[in-house]
Amino acid sequence: MICTKLFSKSLKAMTINRKAILLSGGKGTRLYPSTMAISKHLIPIYDKPLIYYPLSLIMLTGIKDILLITTERDINSYKNLLGNGSQWGIDIEYKIQENPNGIADALLLAEDYLDGAPSLLLLGDNIFYGNNLQNKLKKINEIKNGAYILSYYVQDPNRYGVIEYDNNDKIKSIEEKPIKAKSN
C-alpha cells in the first residue's frame, strides 16, 4: 500500500477539488547507464519505485486527480505500474512530454487537463519528509491565490533549480541549474 492511514482523519477536512501534475520526464543522464533502459523514477528506492514517494505525497494532500507527464519511451512502463490509479482511490491520466523542457513546459502541457483548477506540481524524483510535513501540506491546500514552493538547502546548487528569496522569504527569482547560484 502506498499511503498509510496515518493522516486520514485530518486530510478529509483538507480535501479540496484540486488536481496534481506529476512530472516524470527527462533522460536521467546523471544516472547512466542505469537509466538508459528505464526511467530513473521507476528505479527502486528501498522497497518501492521512486515514483511512489511523490505519488504518496499527492495522496496525502487529498488530491485524487493526477496527470503524470513522462516521455514516449517510458509511458507504457508507468501505465503498467500505476494503471489508472483506481486501486488506490485516485484517477491517473498520462501525457507525453516530447523533450525534457522542465516545469514551465509541463504546466503548458497540463493546461487543458487542469481546466483552471487549483493545482499541485511535483517532480517524480523528489522525496519530501520531515517534521510538520502534515501541517505544511495543510497550509499548501488552504492557499486560495498564489503559490507555495517547497525547497531544500543543497551543497551544490548549480545542479538544481535555485530559488532566490528576499528578506521576507518571498521568492525573487528561480533559475534552473545556474552557473553561479544566488543561493543554496
N, C-alpha and C. Protein backbone atom coordinates (compact mmCIF):
# COMPACT_ATOMS: atom_id res chain seq x y z
N MET A 1 0.85 -1.18 0.00
CA MET A 1 0.00 0.00 0.00
C MET A 1 0.89 1.24 0.00
N ILE A 2 0.63 2.17 -0.89
CA ILE A 2 1.46 3.36 -1.00
C ILE A 2 1.28 4.26 0.22
N CYS A 3 0.09 4.57 0.54
CA CYS A 3 -0.18 5.60 1.53
C CYS A 3 -0.79 4.98 2.78
N THR A 4 -0.23 5.27 3.94
CA THR A 4 -0.80 4.77 5.18
C THR A 4 -1.99 5.63 5.57
N LYS A 5 -2.72 5.19 6.58
CA LYS A 5 -3.88 5.93 7.04
C LYS A 5 -3.50 6.91 8.15
N LEU A 6 -2.21 7.15 8.29
CA LEU A 6 -1.70 7.99 9.37
C LEU A 6 -2.38 9.35 9.44
N PHE A 7 -2.59 9.98 8.30
CA PHE A 7 -3.14 11.34 8.30
C PHE A 7 -4.60 11.38 7.83
N SER A 8 -5.25 10.25 7.71
CA SER A 8 -6.54 10.21 7.02
C SER A 8 -7.61 11.09 7.67
N LYS A 9 -7.70 11.15 8.98
CA LYS A 9 -8.75 11.95 9.61
C LYS A 9 -8.60 13.43 9.30
N SER A 10 -7.42 13.98 9.48
CA SER A 10 -7.24 15.42 9.24
C SER A 10 -7.28 15.75 7.77
N LEU A 11 -6.91 14.82 6.90
CA LEU A 11 -6.90 15.12 5.47
C LEU A 11 -8.30 15.20 4.89
N LYS A 12 -9.26 14.50 5.50
CA LYS A 12 -10.62 14.59 4.98
C LYS A 12 -11.11 16.03 5.01
N ALA A 13 -10.75 16.76 6.05
CA ALA A 13 -11.15 18.15 6.14
C ALA A 13 -10.39 19.03 5.15
N MET A 14 -9.19 18.60 4.75
CA MET A 14 -8.35 19.41 3.86
C MET A 14 -8.70 19.22 2.39
N THR A 15 -9.38 18.17 2.05
CA THR A 15 -9.60 17.84 0.65
C THR A 15 -10.41 18.92 -0.06
N ILE A 16 -9.85 19.41 -1.14
CA ILE A 16 -10.47 20.43 -1.98
C ILE A 16 -10.37 19.89 -3.40
N ASN A 17 -11.26 20.29 -4.28
CA ASN A 17 -11.24 19.80 -5.64
C ASN A 17 -10.04 20.39 -6.40
N ARG A 18 -8.88 19.80 -6.19
CA ARG A 18 -7.65 20.23 -6.84
C ARG A 18 -7.13 19.10 -7.71
N LYS A 19 -6.19 19.44 -8.58
CA LYS A 19 -5.57 18.44 -9.44
C LYS A 19 -4.07 18.49 -9.25
N ALA A 20 -3.40 17.40 -9.58
CA ALA A 20 -1.95 17.34 -9.44
C ALA A 20 -1.30 16.96 -10.76
N ILE A 21 -0.10 17.49 -10.93
CA ILE A 21 0.75 17.13 -12.06
C ILE A 21 1.97 16.45 -11.46
N LEU A 22 2.29 15.29 -11.95
CA LEU A 22 3.47 14.55 -11.52
C LEU A 22 4.41 14.48 -12.72
N LEU A 23 5.47 15.27 -12.68
CA LEU A 23 6.39 15.37 -13.81
C LEU A 23 7.49 14.32 -13.67
N SER A 24 7.49 13.37 -14.57
CA SER A 24 8.43 12.25 -14.51
C SER A 24 9.06 12.03 -15.88
N GLY A 25 9.57 13.09 -16.42
CA GLY A 25 10.21 13.02 -17.73
C GLY A 25 11.72 13.05 -17.58
N GLY A 26 12.35 13.63 -18.54
CA GLY A 26 13.80 13.74 -18.51
C GLY A 26 14.49 12.45 -18.94
N LYS A 27 15.80 12.53 -19.04
CA LYS A 27 16.59 11.39 -19.51
C LYS A 27 17.37 10.71 -18.41
N GLY A 28 17.47 11.34 -17.25
CA GLY A 28 18.21 10.73 -16.14
C GLY A 28 19.68 10.52 -16.44
N THR A 29 20.28 11.44 -17.17
CA THR A 29 21.66 11.24 -17.64
C THR A 29 22.67 11.11 -16.50
N ARG A 30 22.39 11.72 -15.35
CA ARG A 30 23.34 11.61 -14.24
C ARG A 30 23.38 10.21 -13.65
N LEU A 31 22.42 9.38 -14.01
CA LEU A 31 22.38 8.00 -13.51
C LEU A 31 22.71 6.97 -14.58
N TYR A 32 23.22 7.42 -15.73
CA TYR A 32 23.64 6.46 -16.76
C TYR A 32 24.70 5.54 -16.18
N PRO A 33 24.76 4.28 -16.54
CA PRO A 33 24.00 3.61 -17.59
C PRO A 33 22.65 3.05 -17.14
N SER A 34 22.34 3.10 -15.83
CA SER A 34 21.09 2.52 -15.33
C SER A 34 19.87 3.07 -16.03
N THR A 35 19.85 4.36 -16.31
CA THR A 35 18.67 4.99 -16.86
C THR A 35 18.62 4.98 -18.39
N MET A 36 19.56 4.27 -19.00
CA MET A 36 19.49 4.13 -20.47
C MET A 36 18.34 3.21 -20.86
N ALA A 37 17.91 2.35 -19.94
CA ALA A 37 16.87 1.38 -20.25
C ALA A 37 15.57 1.61 -19.46
N ILE A 38 15.64 2.40 -18.39
CA ILE A 38 14.47 2.60 -17.54
C ILE A 38 14.49 4.02 -16.98
N SER A 39 13.33 4.59 -16.79
CA SER A 39 13.21 5.91 -16.19
C SER A 39 13.75 5.88 -14.76
N LYS A 40 14.47 6.94 -14.37
CA LYS A 40 15.00 6.98 -13.00
C LYS A 40 13.88 6.95 -11.97
N HIS A 41 12.72 7.41 -12.34
CA HIS A 41 11.58 7.43 -11.42
C HIS A 41 11.02 6.03 -11.14
N LEU A 42 11.42 5.06 -11.94
CA LEU A 42 10.96 3.69 -11.76
C LEU A 42 11.99 2.82 -11.05
N ILE A 43 13.17 3.37 -10.80
CA ILE A 43 14.22 2.63 -10.08
C ILE A 43 13.80 2.49 -8.62
N PRO A 44 13.95 1.31 -8.03
CA PRO A 44 13.55 1.12 -6.63
C PRO A 44 14.43 1.91 -5.65
N ILE A 45 13.77 2.55 -4.70
CA ILE A 45 14.41 3.17 -3.56
C ILE A 45 13.83 2.46 -2.34
N TYR A 46 14.70 1.76 -1.62
CA TYR A 46 14.30 0.88 -0.52
C TYR A 46 13.36 -0.19 -1.07
N ASP A 47 12.07 -0.13 -0.80
CA ASP A 47 11.18 -1.24 -1.17
C ASP A 47 10.15 -0.90 -2.24
N LYS A 48 10.32 0.26 -2.90
CA LYS A 48 9.34 0.63 -3.92
C LYS A 48 9.95 1.58 -4.94
N PRO A 49 9.34 1.68 -6.11
CA PRO A 49 9.85 2.60 -7.13
C PRO A 49 9.84 4.04 -6.63
N LEU A 50 10.81 4.81 -7.03
CA LEU A 50 10.94 6.21 -6.62
C LEU A 50 9.65 6.99 -6.84
N ILE A 51 8.94 6.75 -7.91
CA ILE A 51 7.71 7.48 -8.24
C ILE A 51 6.65 7.35 -7.14
N TYR A 52 6.69 6.27 -6.35
CA TYR A 52 5.70 6.08 -5.29
C TYR A 52 5.81 7.15 -4.20
N TYR A 53 7.00 7.70 -3.97
CA TYR A 53 7.17 8.69 -2.91
C TYR A 53 6.42 9.99 -3.21
N PRO A 54 6.64 10.62 -4.37
CA PRO A 54 5.85 11.83 -4.64
C PRO A 54 4.37 11.52 -4.86
N LEU A 55 4.06 10.34 -5.39
CA LEU A 55 2.66 9.96 -5.56
C LEU A 55 1.98 9.86 -4.19
N SER A 56 2.68 9.30 -3.21
CA SER A 56 2.14 9.22 -1.85
C SER A 56 1.89 10.60 -1.27
N LEU A 57 2.80 11.52 -1.53
CA LEU A 57 2.63 12.89 -1.03
C LEU A 57 1.39 13.54 -1.63
N ILE A 58 1.18 13.32 -2.92
CA ILE A 58 -0.03 13.84 -3.55
C ILE A 58 -1.25 13.25 -2.87
N MET A 59 -1.23 11.97 -2.61
CA MET A 59 -2.35 11.32 -1.95
C MET A 59 -2.57 11.87 -0.55
N LEU A 60 -1.50 12.19 0.15
CA LEU A 60 -1.64 12.76 1.50
C LEU A 60 -2.31 14.13 1.48
N THR A 61 -2.20 14.85 0.38
CA THR A 61 -2.87 16.15 0.29
C THR A 61 -4.37 15.99 0.05
N GLY A 62 -4.80 14.79 -0.30
CA GLY A 62 -6.21 14.55 -0.59
C GLY A 62 -6.56 14.72 -2.06
N ILE A 63 -5.59 15.06 -2.89
CA ILE A 63 -5.85 15.22 -4.32
C ILE A 63 -6.02 13.84 -4.95
N LYS A 64 -7.06 13.71 -5.75
CA LYS A 64 -7.37 12.41 -6.36
C LYS A 64 -7.17 12.38 -7.87
N ASP A 65 -7.11 13.55 -8.50
CA ASP A 65 -6.95 13.63 -9.96
C ASP A 65 -5.52 14.02 -10.28
N ILE A 66 -4.82 13.11 -10.99
CA ILE A 66 -3.38 13.27 -11.22
C ILE A 66 -3.07 13.08 -12.69
N LEU A 67 -2.27 14.00 -13.22
CA LEU A 67 -1.75 13.87 -14.58
C LEU A 67 -0.27 13.56 -14.47
N LEU A 68 0.14 12.40 -14.96
CA LEU A 68 1.54 12.03 -14.97
C LEU A 68 2.10 12.36 -16.35
N ILE A 69 3.11 13.22 -16.36
CA ILE A 69 3.75 13.63 -17.61
C ILE A 69 5.10 12.93 -17.70
N THR A 70 5.32 12.23 -18.80
CA THR A 70 6.55 11.47 -18.97
C THR A 70 6.95 11.43 -20.44
N THR A 71 7.96 10.64 -20.73
CA THR A 71 8.46 10.52 -22.09
C THR A 71 7.70 9.45 -22.87
N GLU A 72 7.80 9.53 -24.17
CA GLU A 72 7.18 8.50 -25.01
C GLU A 72 7.79 7.13 -24.71
N ARG A 73 9.10 7.09 -24.45
CA ARG A 73 9.78 5.83 -24.14
C ARG A 73 9.22 5.16 -22.89
N ASP A 74 8.86 5.95 -21.88
CA ASP A 74 8.53 5.40 -20.57
C ASP A 74 7.04 5.31 -20.25
N ILE A 75 6.19 5.89 -21.07
CA ILE A 75 4.77 5.98 -20.71
C ILE A 75 4.14 4.62 -20.45
N ASN A 76 4.46 3.61 -21.25
CA ASN A 76 3.85 2.30 -21.03
C ASN A 76 4.34 1.64 -19.75
N SER A 77 5.56 1.90 -19.35
CA SER A 77 6.06 1.37 -18.07
C SER A 77 5.26 1.95 -16.91
N TYR A 78 4.97 3.25 -16.96
CA TYR A 78 4.16 3.88 -15.92
C TYR A 78 2.74 3.33 -15.92
N LYS A 79 2.17 3.18 -17.10
CA LYS A 79 0.82 2.64 -17.19
C LYS A 79 0.76 1.22 -16.63
N ASN A 80 1.80 0.42 -16.91
CA ASN A 80 1.83 -0.95 -16.37
C ASN A 80 1.96 -0.95 -14.85
N LEU A 81 2.75 -0.04 -14.31
CA LEU A 81 2.97 0.02 -12.86
C LEU A 81 1.78 0.63 -12.12
N LEU A 82 1.28 1.75 -12.60
CA LEU A 82 0.30 2.53 -11.86
C LEU A 82 -1.14 2.35 -12.34
N GLY A 83 -1.30 1.93 -13.58
CA GLY A 83 -2.63 1.80 -14.14
C GLY A 83 -3.35 3.14 -14.13
N ASN A 84 -4.65 3.09 -13.86
CA ASN A 84 -5.42 4.34 -13.80
C ASN A 84 -5.54 4.86 -12.38
N GLY A 85 -4.89 4.18 -11.42
CA GLY A 85 -4.89 4.63 -10.03
C GLY A 85 -6.07 4.17 -9.20
N SER A 86 -7.05 3.53 -9.82
CA SER A 86 -8.27 3.16 -9.09
C SER A 86 -7.99 2.22 -7.91
N GLN A 87 -6.92 1.46 -7.95
CA GLN A 87 -6.59 0.56 -6.84
C GLN A 87 -6.25 1.34 -5.57
N TRP A 88 -5.96 2.64 -5.69
CA TRP A 88 -5.65 3.50 -4.54
C TRP A 88 -6.71 4.58 -4.34
N GLY A 89 -7.78 4.53 -5.11
CA GLY A 89 -8.83 5.53 -4.98
C GLY A 89 -8.51 6.86 -5.62
N ILE A 90 -7.63 6.83 -6.62
CA ILE A 90 -7.26 8.04 -7.34
C ILE A 90 -7.47 7.82 -8.83
N ASP A 91 -7.36 8.90 -9.60
CA ASP A 91 -7.51 8.81 -11.05
C ASP A 91 -6.23 9.36 -11.69
N ILE A 92 -5.50 8.50 -12.40
CA ILE A 92 -4.26 8.91 -13.06
C ILE A 92 -4.48 8.95 -14.57
N GLU A 93 -4.14 10.09 -15.16
CA GLU A 93 -4.12 10.22 -16.61
C GLU A 93 -2.66 10.47 -17.01
N TYR A 94 -2.37 10.30 -18.29
CA TYR A 94 -0.99 10.38 -18.78
C TYR A 94 -0.86 11.34 -19.95
N LYS A 95 0.31 11.95 -20.04
CA LYS A 95 0.61 12.82 -21.17
C LYS A 95 2.10 12.71 -21.46
N ILE A 96 2.44 12.79 -22.74
CA ILE A 96 3.84 12.70 -23.16
C ILE A 96 4.44 14.10 -23.29
N GLN A 97 5.64 14.26 -22.75
CA GLN A 97 6.44 15.47 -22.94
C GLN A 97 7.53 15.09 -23.94
N GLU A 98 7.49 15.67 -25.12
CA GLU A 98 8.39 15.29 -26.19
C GLU A 98 9.86 15.50 -25.85
N ASN A 99 10.17 16.60 -25.18
CA ASN A 99 11.55 16.92 -24.79
C ASN A 99 11.57 17.31 -23.32
N PRO A 100 12.69 17.09 -22.64
CA PRO A 100 12.75 17.43 -21.21
C PRO A 100 12.88 18.95 -21.02
N ASN A 101 11.74 19.64 -21.17
CA ASN A 101 11.74 21.10 -21.11
C ASN A 101 11.30 21.65 -19.76
N GLY A 102 11.22 20.80 -18.76
CA GLY A 102 11.01 21.27 -17.40
C GLY A 102 9.59 21.60 -16.99
N ILE A 103 9.54 22.30 -15.86
CA ILE A 103 8.27 22.58 -15.18
C ILE A 103 7.36 23.50 -16.00
N ALA A 104 7.91 24.57 -16.55
CA ALA A 104 7.08 25.51 -17.32
C ALA A 104 6.39 24.80 -18.48
N ASP A 105 7.12 23.95 -19.18
CA ASP A 105 6.55 23.18 -20.29
C ASP A 105 5.49 22.21 -19.78
N ALA A 106 5.73 21.59 -18.64
CA ALA A 106 4.75 20.66 -18.06
C ALA A 106 3.44 21.38 -17.75
N LEU A 107 3.54 22.59 -17.21
CA LEU A 107 2.33 23.36 -16.91
C LEU A 107 1.56 23.69 -18.19
N LEU A 108 2.28 24.01 -19.26
CA LEU A 108 1.61 24.26 -20.54
C LEU A 108 0.94 23.00 -21.07
N LEU A 109 1.63 21.86 -20.95
CA LEU A 109 1.06 20.59 -21.40
C LEU A 109 -0.18 20.22 -20.60
N ALA A 110 -0.23 20.62 -19.34
CA ALA A 110 -1.34 20.26 -18.46
C ALA A 110 -2.48 21.26 -18.47
N GLU A 111 -2.36 22.33 -19.23
CA GLU A 111 -3.35 23.41 -19.19
C GLU A 111 -4.78 22.92 -19.42
N ASP A 112 -5.00 22.12 -20.45
CA ASP A 112 -6.35 21.60 -20.72
C ASP A 112 -6.81 20.66 -19.61
N TYR A 113 -5.91 19.84 -19.12
CA TYR A 113 -6.24 18.91 -18.04
C TYR A 113 -6.67 19.67 -16.78
N LEU A 114 -5.92 20.70 -16.43
CA LEU A 114 -6.22 21.47 -15.22
C LEU A 114 -7.53 22.25 -15.35
N ASP A 115 -7.81 22.76 -16.54
CA ASP A 115 -9.04 23.48 -16.81
C ASP A 115 -9.34 24.53 -15.72
N GLY A 116 -8.29 25.24 -15.29
CA GLY A 116 -8.46 26.30 -14.31
C GLY A 116 -8.50 25.86 -12.86
N ALA A 117 -8.43 24.56 -12.60
CA ALA A 117 -8.48 24.06 -11.21
C ALA A 117 -7.19 24.40 -10.47
N PRO A 118 -7.28 24.64 -9.16
CA PRO A 118 -6.06 24.80 -8.37
C PRO A 118 -5.23 23.53 -8.51
N SER A 119 -3.91 23.68 -8.50
CA SER A 119 -3.10 22.50 -8.80
C SER A 119 -1.83 22.44 -7.96
N LEU A 120 -1.28 21.25 -7.94
CA LEU A 120 -0.01 20.94 -7.29
C LEU A 120 0.85 20.27 -8.34
N LEU A 121 2.10 20.70 -8.45
CA LEU A 121 3.03 20.04 -9.35
C LEU A 121 4.19 19.50 -8.52
N LEU A 122 4.45 18.21 -8.67
CA LEU A 122 5.58 17.57 -8.00
C LEU A 122 6.46 16.92 -9.05
N LEU A 123 7.75 16.91 -8.76
CA LEU A 123 8.69 16.19 -9.61
C LEU A 123 8.74 14.74 -9.16
N GLY A 124 8.79 13.84 -10.13
CA GLY A 124 8.73 12.41 -9.85
C GLY A 124 9.96 11.84 -9.17
N ASP A 125 11.00 12.65 -9.01
CA ASP A 125 12.20 12.15 -8.34
C ASP A 125 12.47 12.87 -7.02
N ASN A 126 11.45 13.52 -6.47
CA ASN A 126 11.60 14.21 -5.20
C ASN A 126 10.97 13.42 -4.07
N ILE A 127 11.66 13.39 -2.95
CA ILE A 127 11.15 12.75 -1.74
C ILE A 127 11.09 13.83 -0.66
N PHE A 128 9.91 14.07 -0.13
CA PHE A 128 9.75 15.04 0.94
C PHE A 128 9.45 14.29 2.23
N TYR A 129 10.07 14.74 3.31
CA TYR A 129 9.86 14.14 4.62
C TYR A 129 10.19 15.18 5.67
N GLY A 130 9.89 14.87 6.91
CA GLY A 130 10.31 15.75 7.98
C GLY A 130 9.20 16.14 8.93
N ASN A 131 9.62 16.83 9.98
CA ASN A 131 8.68 17.32 10.98
C ASN A 131 7.73 18.32 10.35
N ASN A 132 6.51 18.30 10.81
CA ASN A 132 5.48 19.24 10.37
C ASN A 132 5.09 19.10 8.91
N LEU A 133 5.41 17.99 8.28
CA LEU A 133 5.02 17.82 6.88
C LEU A 133 3.50 17.91 6.73
N GLN A 134 2.78 17.29 7.65
CA GLN A 134 1.32 17.34 7.58
C GLN A 134 0.81 18.78 7.66
N ASN A 135 1.40 19.60 8.54
CA ASN A 135 0.99 21.00 8.65
C ASN A 135 1.33 21.77 7.39
N LYS A 136 2.47 21.49 6.79
CA LYS A 136 2.83 22.16 5.54
C LYS A 136 1.86 21.79 4.43
N LEU A 137 1.49 20.52 4.36
CA LEU A 137 0.52 20.10 3.34
C LEU A 137 -0.82 20.80 3.55
N LYS A 138 -1.21 20.93 4.81
CA LYS A 138 -2.48 21.62 5.11
C LYS A 138 -2.39 23.07 4.66
N LYS A 139 -1.27 23.74 4.97
CA LYS A 139 -1.09 25.14 4.57
C LYS A 139 -1.14 25.28 3.05
N ILE A 140 -0.49 24.36 2.37
CA ILE A 140 -0.50 24.39 0.90
C ILE A 140 -1.92 24.24 0.38
N ASN A 141 -2.67 23.33 0.96
CA ASN A 141 -4.02 23.06 0.48
C ASN A 141 -4.99 24.20 0.79
N GLU A 142 -4.65 25.07 1.73
CA GLU A 142 -5.52 26.19 2.09
C GLU A 142 -5.28 27.43 1.22
N ILE A 143 -4.25 27.43 0.41
CA ILE A 143 -3.94 28.59 -0.43
C ILE A 143 -5.07 28.82 -1.43
N LYS A 144 -5.56 30.04 -1.45
CA LYS A 144 -6.63 30.40 -2.40
C LYS A 144 -6.06 31.10 -3.63
N ASN A 145 -5.01 31.89 -3.43
CA ASN A 145 -4.36 32.60 -4.53
C ASN A 145 -2.85 32.48 -4.37
N GLY A 146 -2.14 32.49 -5.48
CA GLY A 146 -0.69 32.44 -5.42
C GLY A 146 -0.18 31.01 -5.42
N ALA A 147 1.02 30.85 -4.89
CA ALA A 147 1.68 29.55 -4.96
C ALA A 147 2.51 29.30 -3.71
N TYR A 148 2.85 28.06 -3.51
CA TYR A 148 3.69 27.63 -2.39
C TYR A 148 4.73 26.70 -2.98
N ILE A 149 6.00 26.95 -2.70
CA ILE A 149 7.07 26.13 -3.25
C ILE A 149 7.85 25.52 -2.09
N LEU A 150 7.99 24.20 -2.12
CA LEU A 150 8.82 23.52 -1.14
C LEU A 150 10.24 23.50 -1.68
N SER A 151 11.18 23.93 -0.87
CA SER A 151 12.58 23.95 -1.31
C SER A 151 13.46 23.35 -0.23
N TYR A 152 14.69 23.10 -0.60
CA TYR A 152 15.61 22.42 0.31
C TYR A 152 17.03 22.94 0.06
N TYR A 153 17.75 23.19 1.13
CA TYR A 153 19.13 23.64 1.05
C TYR A 153 20.01 22.52 0.50
N VAL A 154 20.87 22.83 -0.48
CA VAL A 154 21.79 21.84 -1.05
C VAL A 154 23.19 22.41 -1.09
N GLN A 155 24.17 21.54 -1.11
CA GLN A 155 25.58 21.95 -1.17
C GLN A 155 26.01 22.36 -2.58
N ASP A 156 25.38 21.79 -3.59
CA ASP A 156 25.78 22.01 -4.98
C ASP A 156 24.62 22.58 -5.81
N PRO A 157 24.23 23.83 -5.55
CA PRO A 157 23.03 24.40 -6.18
C PRO A 157 23.09 24.49 -7.70
N ASN A 158 24.27 24.46 -8.28
CA ASN A 158 24.36 24.56 -9.75
C ASN A 158 23.78 23.33 -10.45
N ARG A 159 23.44 22.29 -9.70
CA ARG A 159 22.85 21.09 -10.30
C ARG A 159 21.32 21.08 -10.21
N TYR A 160 20.73 22.15 -9.64
CA TYR A 160 19.29 22.16 -9.36
C TYR A 160 18.66 23.48 -9.77
N GLY A 161 17.35 23.55 -9.61
CA GLY A 161 16.65 24.82 -9.72
C GLY A 161 16.87 25.58 -8.43
N VAL A 162 17.28 26.84 -8.53
CA VAL A 162 17.65 27.61 -7.36
C VAL A 162 16.68 28.77 -7.16
N ILE A 163 16.22 28.90 -5.92
CA ILE A 163 15.28 29.97 -5.56
C ILE A 163 16.05 31.06 -4.83
N GLU A 164 15.81 32.29 -5.23
CA GLU A 164 16.36 33.44 -4.51
C GLU A 164 15.21 34.09 -3.74
N TYR A 165 15.41 34.26 -2.43
CA TYR A 165 14.39 34.85 -1.56
C TYR A 165 14.76 36.27 -1.18
N ASP A 166 13.74 37.09 -0.88
CA ASP A 166 14.01 38.42 -0.33
C ASP A 166 14.04 38.33 1.19
N ASN A 167 14.13 39.46 1.87
CA ASN A 167 14.23 39.47 3.33
C ASN A 167 12.96 38.99 4.03
N ASN A 168 11.84 38.94 3.31
CA ASN A 168 10.57 38.48 3.88
C ASN A 168 10.23 37.06 3.44
N ASP A 169 11.24 36.32 2.97
CA ASP A 169 11.05 34.96 2.47
C ASP A 169 10.10 34.87 1.29
N LYS A 170 10.00 35.93 0.54
CA LYS A 170 9.23 35.92 -0.71
C LYS A 170 10.20 35.61 -1.84
N ILE A 171 9.73 34.89 -2.83
CA ILE A 171 10.59 34.49 -3.94
C ILE A 171 10.85 35.68 -4.87
N LYS A 172 12.13 35.92 -5.12
CA LYS A 172 12.54 36.96 -6.06
C LYS A 172 12.75 36.38 -7.45
N SER A 173 13.36 35.16 -7.49
CA SER A 173 13.65 34.55 -8.79
C SER A 173 13.86 33.05 -8.62
N ILE A 174 13.71 32.34 -9.72
CA ILE A 174 14.02 30.92 -9.79
C ILE A 174 14.86 30.72 -11.04
N GLU A 175 15.99 30.06 -10.89
CA GLU A 175 16.89 29.83 -12.02
C GLU A 175 17.27 28.35 -12.05
N GLU A 176 17.13 27.75 -13.22
CA GLU A 176 17.43 26.33 -13.39
C GLU A 176 18.91 26.11 -13.64
N LYS A 177 19.55 25.30 -12.82
CA LYS A 177 20.96 24.90 -12.94
C LYS A 177 21.88 26.08 -13.30
N PRO A 178 21.93 27.09 -12.43
CA PRO A 178 22.75 28.27 -12.73
C PRO A 178 24.25 27.97 -12.64
N ILE A 179 25.03 28.68 -13.43
CA ILE A 179 26.49 28.55 -13.35
C ILE A 179 26.95 29.12 -12.01
N LYS A 180 26.42 30.28 -11.65
CA LYS A 180 26.75 30.90 -10.35
C LYS A 180 25.42 31.12 -9.62
N ALA A 181 25.16 30.29 -8.62
CA ALA A 181 23.89 30.33 -7.91
C ALA A 181 23.80 31.53 -6.98
N LYS A 182 22.58 32.11 -6.87
CA LYS A 182 22.33 33.23 -5.98
C LYS A 182 22.10 32.77 -4.55
N SER A 183 21.79 31.48 -4.36
CA SER A 183 21.57 30.92 -3.03
C SER A 183 21.77 29.41 -3.10
N ASN A 184 21.70 28.78 -1.96
CA ASN A 184 21.78 27.32 -1.91
C ASN A 184 20.40 26.71 -1.72
